[in-house]
C-alpha atoms as a PDB file:
ATOM      1  CA  MET A   1     -76.412 -56.610 -70.789  1.00  0.00           C
ATOM      2  CA  LYS A   2     -78.339 -54.593 -68.285  1.00  0.00           C
ATOM      3  CA  THR A   3     -80.533 -51.857 -69.636  1.00  0.00           C
ATOM      4  CA  ARG A   4     -78.707 -49.149 -67.464  1.00  0.00           C
ATOM      5  CA  GLU A   5     -75.502 -50.274 -68.958  1.00  0.00           C
ATOM      6  CA  LEU A   6     -76.661 -49.788 -72.507  1.00  0.00           C
ATOM      7  CA  ILE A   7     -78.046 -46.362 -71.622  1.00  0.00           C
ATOM      8  CA  PHE A   8     -74.715 -45.413 -69.910  1.00  0.00           C
ATOM      9  CA  ARG A   9     -72.699 -46.518 -73.105  1.00  0.00           C
ATOM     10  CA  VAL A  10     -74.789 -44.062 -75.129  1.00  0.00           C
ATOM     11  CA  LEU A  11     -74.500 -41.297 -72.624  1.00  0.00           C
ATOM     12  CA  GLN A  12     -70.786 -41.950 -72.408  1.00  0.00           C
ATOM     13  CA  PHE A  13     -70.315 -41.716 -76.205  1.00  0.00           C
ATOM     14  CA  LEU A  14     -72.353 -38.492 -76.314  1.00  0.00           C
ATOM     15  CA  SER A  15     -70.330 -36.790 -73.560  1.00  0.00           C
ATOM     16  CA  ILE A  16     -67.067 -37.457 -75.398  1.00  0.00           C
ATOM     17  CA  ASN A  17     -68.142 -36.758 -78.929  1.00  0.00           C
ATOM     18  CA  SER A  18     -70.911 -34.024 -78.565  1.00  0.00           C
ATOM     19  CA  ASP A  19     -71.203 -30.366 -77.369  1.00  0.00           C
ATOM     20  CA  ASP A  20     -72.657 -29.527 -74.045  1.00  0.00           C
ATOM     21  CA  SER A  21     -76.108 -29.155 -75.269  1.00  0.00           C
ATOM     22  CA  ILE A  22     -76.512 -32.988 -75.931  1.00  0.00           C
ATOM     23  CA  GLN A  23     -76.206 -33.687 -72.250  1.00  0.00           C
ATOM     24  CA  ASP A  24     -79.750 -32.774 -71.875  1.00  0.00           C
ATOM     25  CA  PHE A  25     -81.213 -35.969 -73.015  1.00  0.00           C
ATOM     26  CA  SER A  26     -82.716 -37.842 -70.225  1.00  0.00           C
ATOM     27  CA  GLU A  27     -82.188 -41.721 -69.521  1.00  0.00           C
ATOM     28  CA  GLU A  28     -85.715 -42.174 -70.374  1.00  0.00           C
ATOM     29  CA  TYR A  29     -85.500 -40.378 -73.705  1.00  0.00           C
ATOM     30  CA  ILE A  30     -82.363 -42.486 -74.570  1.00  0.00           C
ATOM     31  CA  TYR A  31     -84.259 -45.681 -73.525  1.00  0.00           C
ATOM     32  CA  ASN A  32     -87.118 -44.834 -75.848  1.00  0.00           C
ATOM     33  CA  VAL A  33     -84.679 -44.284 -78.644  1.00  0.00           C
ATOM     34  CA  LEU A  34     -83.007 -47.668 -77.782  1.00  0.00           C
ATOM     35  CA  ILE A  35     -86.257 -49.727 -77.820  1.00  0.00           C
ATOM     36  CA  ASP A  36     -87.288 -48.056 -81.085  1.00  0.00           C
ATOM     37  CA  LYS A  37     -83.914 -49.092 -82.695  1.00  0.00           C
ATOM     38  CA  ARG A  38     -84.255 -52.474 -81.253  1.00  0.00           C
ATOM     39  CA  ALA A  39     -87.759 -53.165 -82.867  1.00  0.00           C
ATOM     40  CA  PHE A  40     -86.504 -51.722 -86.116  1.00  0.00           C
ATOM     41  CA  LEU A  41     -83.570 -54.189 -86.246  1.00  0.00           C
ATOM     42  CA  LEU A  42     -85.662 -57.021 -85.105  1.00  0.00           C
ATOM     43  CA  LYS A  43     -88.352 -56.538 -87.751  1.00  0.00           C
ATOM     44  CA  GLN A  44     -85.586 -56.125 -90.342  1.00  0.00           C
ATOM     45  CA  HIS A  45     -83.628 -59.320 -89.437  1.00  0.00           C
ATOM     46  CA  TYR A  46     -86.477 -61.709 -88.648  1.00  0.00           C
ATOM     47  CA  LYS A  47     -89.391 -60.599 -90.957  1.00  0.00           C
ATOM     48  CA  ASP A  48     -88.651 -64.111 -92.661  1.00  0.00           C
ATOM     49  CA  ALA A  49     -90.632 -66.601 -90.797  1.00  0.00           C
ATOM     50  CA  ARG A  50     -87.967 -69.075 -91.419  1.00  0.00           C
ATOM     51  CA  LYS A  51     -85.516 -67.256 -89.161  1.00  0.00           C
ATOM     52  CA  ALA A  52     -85.704 -67.989 -85.524  1.00  0.00           C
ATOM     53  CA  VAL A  53     -85.872 -65.003 -83.285  1.00  0.00           C
ATOM     54  CA  PRO A  54     -83.274 -65.515 -80.387  1.00  0.00           C
ATOM     55  CA  ARG A  55     -84.787 -66.581 -76.978  1.00  0.00           C
ATOM     56  CA  SER A  56     -82.951 -63.706 -75.476  1.00  0.00           C
ATOM     57  CA  CYS A  57     -85.328 -61.191 -77.265  1.00  0.00           C
ATOM     58  CA  TYR A  58     -88.285 -62.867 -75.528  1.00  0.00           C
ATOM     59  CA  GLN A  59     -90.095 -62.079 -72.366  1.00  0.00           C
ATOM     60  CA  THR A  60     -92.842 -63.778 -70.503  1.00  0.00           C
ATOM     61  CA  LEU A  61     -96.081 -62.010 -69.634  1.00  0.00           C
ATOM     62  CA  ASN A  62     -98.438 -63.310 -66.973  1.00  0.00           C
ATOM     63  CA  VAL A  63    -101.863 -62.782 -68.089  1.00  0.00           C
ATOM     64  CA  PRO A  64    -104.899 -63.471 -65.659  1.00  0.00           C
ATOM     65  CA  LEU A  65    -108.091 -64.291 -67.328  1.00  0.00           C
ATOM     66  CA  GLU A  66    -111.769 -63.634 -66.321  1.00  0.00           C
ATOM     67  CA  LYS A  67    -114.981 -65.149 -67.744  1.00  0.00           C
ATOM     68  CA  ILE A  68    -117.267 -62.940 -69.631  1.00  0.00           C
ATOM     69  CA  ARG A  69    -120.699 -63.620 -71.021  1.00  0.00           C
ATOM     70  CA  VAL A  70    -121.517 -63.262 -74.720  1.00  0.00           C
ATOM     71  CA  VAL A  71    -124.419 -63.288 -77.012  1.00  0.00           C
ATOM     72  CA  PRO A  72    -124.954 -66.888 -78.021  1.00  0.00           C
ATOM     73  CA  ASP A  73    -126.125 -66.175 -81.539  1.00  0.00           C
ATOM     74  CA  LEU A  74    -122.802 -64.675 -82.253  1.00  0.00           C
ATOM     75  CA  LYS A  75    -121.384 -68.250 -82.465  1.00  0.00           C
ATOM     76  CA  TYR A  76    -119.183 -67.725 -79.362  1.00  0.00           C
ATOM     77  CA  SER A  77    -118.717 -70.337 -76.913  1.00  0.00           C
ATOM     78  CA  ASP A  78    -120.987 -69.881 -73.939  1.00  0.00           C
ATOM     79  CA  VAL A  79    -118.157 -68.376 -71.967  1.00  0.00           C
ATOM     80  CA  LEU A  80    -115.267 -66.265 -73.413  1.00  0.00           C
ATOM     81  CA  LEU A  81    -112.117 -65.539 -71.472  1.00  0.00           C
ATOM     82  CA  LYS A  82    -110.562 -62.168 -71.505  1.00  0.00           C
ATOM     83  CA  SER A  83    -107.520 -60.762 -70.050  1.00  0.00           C
ATOM     84  CA  THR A  84    -107.787 -58.561 -66.869  1.00  0.00           C
ATOM     85  CA  ILE A  85    -104.643 -56.594 -67.988  1.00  0.00           C
ATOM     86  CA  ASN A  86    -103.763 -54.623 -70.954  1.00  0.00           C
ATOM     87  CA  ILE A  87    -101.425 -56.544 -73.274  1.00  0.00           C
ATOM     88  CA  PRO A  88     -98.403 -54.560 -74.151  1.00  0.00           C
ATOM     89  CA  GLU A  89     -97.732 -53.900 -77.838  1.00  0.00           C
ATOM     90  CA  MET A  90     -95.684 -56.726 -79.609  1.00  0.00           C
ATOM     91  CA  VAL A  91     -93.007 -56.205 -82.363  1.00  0.00           C
ATOM     92  CA  ASP A  92     -94.811 -56.873 -85.641  1.00  0.00           C
ATOM     93  CA  PHE A  93     -92.528 -59.139 -87.630  1.00  0.00           C
ATOM     94  CA  ALA A  94     -94.953 -59.029 -90.668  1.00  0.00           C
ATOM     95  CA  GLN A  95     -95.173 -62.769 -90.382  1.00  0.00           C
ATOM     96  CA  GLU A  96     -98.424 -64.643 -91.048  1.00  0.00           C
ATOM     97  CA  THR A  97    -100.665 -64.251 -87.924  1.00  0.00           C
ATOM     98  CA  GLY A  98     -97.660 -63.907 -85.639  1.00  0.00           C
ATOM     99  CA  VAL A  99     -97.643 -67.388 -84.705  1.00  0.00           C
ATOM    100  CA  ALA A 100     -93.867 -68.090 -85.427  1.00  0.00           C
ATOM    101  CA  THR A 101     -92.976 -65.478 -82.661  1.00  0.00           C
ATOM    102  CA  THR A 102     -95.821 -65.916 -80.103  1.00  0.00           C
ATOM    103  CA  ILE A 103     -96.343 -68.789 -77.628  1.00  0.00           C
ATOM    104  CA  ILE A 104     -99.305 -69.265 -75.304  1.00  0.00           C
ATOM    105  CA  MET A 105     -98.484 -71.395 -72.170  1.00  0.00           C
ATOM    106  CA  SER A 106    -100.182 -72.562 -69.084  1.00  0.00           C
ATOM    107  CA  THR A 107     -98.728 -71.559 -65.801  1.00  0.00           C
ATOM    108  CA  ASP A 108     -96.736 -74.581 -65.557  1.00  0.00           C
ATOM    109  CA  TYR A 109     -95.000 -73.704 -68.746  1.00  0.00           C
ATOM    110  CA  THR A 110     -96.725 -76.279 -70.805  1.00  0.00           C
ATOM    111  CA  ALA A 111     -97.422 -75.028 -74.429  1.00  0.00           C
ATOM    112  CA  ILE A 112    -101.233 -74.901 -75.193  1.00  0.00           C
ATOM    113  CA  PRO A 113    -102.105 -75.616 -78.788  1.00  0.00           C
ATOM    114  CA  PHE A 114    -103.864 -72.658 -79.985  1.00  0.00           C
ATOM    115  CA  ASN A 115    -104.840 -70.841 -83.098  1.00  0.00           C
ATOM    116  CA  LEU A 116    -104.206 -67.106 -83.287  1.00  0.00           C
ATOM    117  CA  VAL A 117    -106.975 -65.462 -85.366  1.00  0.00           C
ATOM    118  CA  THR A 118    -107.916 -61.823 -85.932  1.00  0.00           C
ATOM    119  CA  PHE A 119    -110.455 -60.372 -83.437  1.00  0.00           C
ATOM    120  CA  GLU A 120    -112.932 -59.984 -86.405  1.00  0.00           C
ATOM    121  CA  ARG A 121    -112.803 -63.765 -87.120  1.00  0.00           C
ATOM    122  CA  LEU A 122    -113.273 -64.818 -83.410  1.00  0.00           C
ATOM    123  CA  PRO A 123    -116.985 -65.010 -83.605  1.00  0.00           C
ATOM    124  CA  THR A 124    -117.146 -67.502 -86.402  1.00  0.00           C
ATOM    125  CA  VAL A 125    -114.235 -69.881 -85.633  1.00  0.00           C
ATOM    126  CA  GLY A 126    -114.747 -73.132 -84.069  1.00  0.00           C
ATOM    127  CA  SER A 127    -118.348 -73.471 -85.120  1.00  0.00           C
ATOM    128  CA  ASN A 128    -118.214 -76.947 -86.587  1.00  0.00           C
ATOM    129  CA  LYS A 129    -117.433 -80.495 -84.964  1.00  0.00           C
ATOM    130  CA  TRP A 130    -113.869 -80.530 -86.381  1.00  0.00           C
ATOM    131  CA  THR A 131    -112.778 -77.298 -84.968  1.00  0.00           C
ATOM    132  CA  ARG A 132    -115.058 -76.746 -81.980  1.00  0.00           C
ATOM    133  CA  ASN A 133    -112.543 -78.226 -79.322  1.00  0.00           C
ATOM    134  CA  LEU A 134    -109.657 -76.113 -80.416  1.00  0.00           C
ATOM    135  CA  LEU A 135    -108.521 -73.012 -78.464  1.00  0.00           C
ATOM    136  CA  TYR A 136    -108.665 -69.734 -80.374  1.00  0.00           C
ATOM    137  CA  VAL A 137    -106.890 -66.653 -79.353  1.00  0.00           C
ATOM    138  CA  ALA A 138    -107.196 -63.075 -80.469  1.00  0.00           C
ATOM    139  CA  LEU A 139    -105.984 -59.666 -79.579  1.00  0.00           C
ATOM    140  CA  GLY A 140    -108.783 -57.015 -79.618  1.00  0.00           C
ATOM    141  CA  GLY A 141    -107.741 -53.551 -78.645  1.00  0.00           C
ATOM    142  CA  LYS A 142    -105.289 -54.111 -75.688  1.00  0.00           C
ATOM    143  CA  SER A 143    -106.911 -57.388 -74.483  1.00  0.00           C
ATOM    144  CA  LEU A 144    -106.463 -61.047 -75.030  1.00  0.00           C
ATOM    145  CA  TYR A 145    -109.405 -63.191 -75.756  1.00  0.00           C
ATOM    146  CA  CYS A 146    -109.684 -66.996 -75.568  1.00  0.00           C
ATOM    147  CA  LYS A 147    -112.352 -69.113 -77.099  1.00  0.00           C
ATOM    148  CA  SER A 148    -113.268 -72.673 -77.196  1.00  0.00           C
ATOM    149  CA  PHE A 149    -116.384 -74.925 -77.015  1.00  0.00           C
ATOM    150  CA  ASN A 150    -114.100 -77.492 -75.107  1.00  0.00           C
ATOM    151  CA  PRO A 151    -115.353 -77.108 -71.467  1.00  0.00           C
ATOM    152  CA  SER A 152    -111.900 -77.862 -70.123  1.00  0.00           C
ATOM    153  CA  PHE A 153    -110.528 -74.389 -71.545  1.00  0.00           C
ATOM    154  CA  ASN A 154    -113.136 -72.572 -69.440  1.00  0.00           C
ATOM    155  CA  ASN A 155    -111.142 -73.618 -66.391  1.00  0.00           C
ATOM    156  CA  LEU A 156    -108.314 -71.421 -67.388  1.00  0.00           C
ATOM    157  CA  ASN A 157    -107.730 -68.424 -65.078  1.00  0.00           C
ATOM    158  CA  LYS A 158    -104.290 -67.431 -66.266  1.00  0.00           C
ATOM    159  CA  VAL A 159    -101.903 -67.985 -69.280  1.00  0.00           C
ATOM    160  CA  LEU A 160     -98.519 -66.878 -69.995  1.00  0.00           C
ATOM    161  CA  ILE A 161     -97.531 -65.159 -73.250  1.00  0.00           C
ATOM    162  CA  PHE A 162     -93.914 -65.851 -74.447  1.00  0.00           C
ATOM    163  CA  GLY A 163     -93.152 -63.145 -77.051  1.00  0.00           C
ATOM    164  CA  VAL A 164     -91.227 -60.315 -78.130  1.00  0.00           C
ATOM    165  CA  PHE A 165     -92.649 -56.922 -76.987  1.00  0.00           C
ATOM    166  CA  SER A 166     -92.000 -53.481 -78.252  1.00  0.00           C
ATOM    167  CA  ASP A 167     -91.318 -51.848 -74.958  1.00  0.00           C
ATOM    168  CA  PRO A 168     -89.636 -54.435 -72.428  1.00  0.00           C
ATOM    169  CA  SER A 169     -90.331 -52.177 -69.390  1.00  0.00           C
ATOM    170  CA  GLU A 170     -94.165 -52.526 -69.877  1.00  0.00           C
ATOM    171  CA  VAL A 171     -93.876 -56.187 -69.484  1.00  0.00           C
ATOM    172  CA  PHE A 172     -91.747 -55.936 -66.365  1.00  0.00           C
ATOM    173  CA  TYR A 173     -94.348 -53.747 -64.740  1.00  0.00           C
ATOM    174  CA  ALA A 174     -97.378 -55.583 -65.918  1.00  0.00           C
ATOM    175  CA  ASN A 175     -95.946 -58.628 -64.267  1.00  0.00           C
ATOM    176  CA  GLY A 176     -96.255 -56.734 -60.963  1.00  0.00           C
ATOM    177  CA  ASN A 177     -92.719 -55.790 -60.447  1.00  0.00           C
ATOM    178  CA  THR A 178     -91.832 -52.683 -58.427  1.00  0.00           C
ATOM    179  CA  GLY A 179     -88.252 -52.387 -58.948  1.00  0.00           C
ATOM    180  CA  ASP A 180     -86.245 -50.560 -61.502  1.00  0.00           C
ATOM    181  CA  PHE A 181     -86.454 -51.871 -65.032  1.00  0.00           C
ATOM    182  CA  TYR A 182     -83.066 -50.367 -65.853  1.00  0.00           C
ATOM    183  CA  ASP A 183     -81.430 -52.969 -63.616  1.00  0.00           C
ATOM    184  CA  GLU A 184     -82.897 -55.713 -65.604  1.00  0.00           C
ATOM    185  CA  GLU A 185     -81.303 -57.457 -68.694  1.00  0.00           C
ATOM    186  CA  PHE A 186     -82.139 -55.623 -72.031  1.00  0.00           C
ATOM    187  CA  PRO A 187     -83.927 -58.382 -73.972  1.00  0.00           C
ATOM    188  CA  VAL A 188     -81.817 -58.551 -77.170  1.00  0.00           C
ATOM    189  CA  ASP A 189     -79.262 -60.721 -78.564  1.00  0.00           C
ATOM    190  CA  THR A 190     -75.829 -59.650 -77.929  1.00  0.00           C
ATOM    191  CA  SER A 191     -74.897 -59.555 -81.628  1.00  0.00           C
ATOM    192  CA  MET A 192     -77.222 -56.596 -82.051  1.00  0.00           C
ATOM    193  CA  VAL A 193     -76.213 -54.365 -79.118  1.00  0.00           C
ATOM    194  CA  ASP A 194     -73.537 -52.463 -81.178  1.00  0.00           C
ATOM    195  CA  SER A 195     -76.013 -51.975 -84.073  1.00  0.00           C
ATOM    196  CA  ILE A 196     -78.648 -50.623 -81.804  1.00  0.00           C
ATOM    197  CA  ILE A 197     -76.305 -48.239 -80.173  1.00  0.00           C
ATOM    198  CA  LYS A 198     -75.009 -47.066 -83.552  1.00  0.00           C
ATOM    199  CA  LEU A 199     -78.547 -46.428 -84.746  1.00  0.00           C
ATOM    200  CA  ALA A 200     -79.463 -44.598 -81.450  1.00  0.00           C
ATOM    201  CA  LEU A 201     -76.404 -42.431 -81.727  1.00  0.00           C
ATOM    202  CA  ASP A 202     -77.035 -41.501 -85.217  1.00  0.00           C
ATOM    203  CA  GLU A 203     -80.516 -40.276 -84.275  1.00  0.00           C
ATOM    204  CA  LEU A 204     -79.440 -38.552 -80.976  1.00  0.00           C
ATOM    205  CA  THR A 205     -76.588 -36.726 -82.691  1.00  0.00           C
ATOM    206  CA  ARG A 206     -78.832 -35.212 -85.357  1.00  0.00           C
ATOM    207  CA  ILE A 207     -80.939 -33.466 -82.828  1.00  0.00           C
ATOM    208  CA  SER A 208     -79.485 -30.103 -81.945  1.00  0.00           C
ATOM    209  CA  ARG A 209     -81.821 -28.975 -79.188  1.00  0.00           C
ATOM    210  CA  PRO A 210     -83.065 -31.742 -77.178  1.00  0.00           C
ATOM    211  CA  LYS A 211     -84.613 -29.336 -74.604  1.00  0.00           C
ATOM    212  CA  ASP A 212     -87.228 -28.494 -77.189  1.00  0.00           C
ATOM    213  CA  ILE A 213     -88.499 -32.177 -77.540  1.00  0.00           C
ATOM    214  CA  LEU A 214     -91.784 -32.910 -75.883  1.00  0.00           C
ATOM    215  CA  ASN A 215     -92.733 -36.561 -75.362  1.00  0.00           C
ATOM    216  CA  ASP A 216     -96.451 -36.500 -74.501  1.00  0.00           C
ATOM    217  CA  GLY A 217     -96.663 -40.263 -74.118  1.00  0.00           C
ATOM    218  CA  GLU A 218     -96.473 -41.998 -70.782  1.00  0.00           C
ATOM    219  CA  GLY A 219     -93.039 -43.124 -70.175  1.00  0.00           C
ATOM    220  CA  ILE A 220     -91.125 -45.467 -67.937  1.00  0.00           C
ATOM    221  CA  GLU A 221     -90.926 -42.856 -64.946  1.00  0.00           C
ATOM    222  CA  ASP A 222     -94.682 -42.737 -65.133  1.00  0.00           C
ATOM    223  CA  GLN A 223     -94.942 -46.673 -64.912  1.00  0.00           C
ATOM    224  CA  ARG A 224     -92.432 -46.531 -61.906  1.00  0.00           C
ATOM    225  CA  SER A 225     -94.703 -44.235 -60.049  1.00  0.00           C
ATOM    226  CA  LYS A 226     -97.590 -46.399 -60.765  1.00  0.00           C
ATOM    227  CA  ALA A 227     -95.903 -49.470 -59.664  1.00  0.00           C
ATOM    228  CA  VAL A 228     -94.935 -48.154 -56.131  1.00  0.00           C
END
């Protein structure tokens, strides 16, 4: 289902079942409620790592990498690779290290064997002869870091992250798209659509004066203006 269609279904229900004041909700505000409910349901349904998250919930993020020098005595490899873009927030399924729901791939869509570790552990991993040729990946702040003592990994200049992101529009614009995300498919399993709409309507209909709501965070409209 297209994102705009999902927003329209919520607006349509509100116009039929609510008073005139409710019409002041913007498409952007409704979108933010929808992605919040999407994340809530995903975490609720798939917190058990034995349950596979549907592929329709995933997106692919292109992540350019650059080489950065680090202090050798911190046990880093000679060269550490860092993303040149901010990595959008991913849905936290509360599974161990998130490996079950995140895949790092090369640009030809070949899966790269990797070990996802915390940023705090990155300085110390791969320091013995059995682990030094493995690729370690960590998220620090909004950046992705890749580390290995295997020289072949130093030639990486881009990777793909196949994962479930909290705000799908951020991935769309981070990939360099300049269109309207609302015209894209909303990344969710069709079996969850009705539940997402219901939860969104429950929240929206509880709010009596949407004009008084102030959202200070950067929204999709701001991202559209940056992409142009």
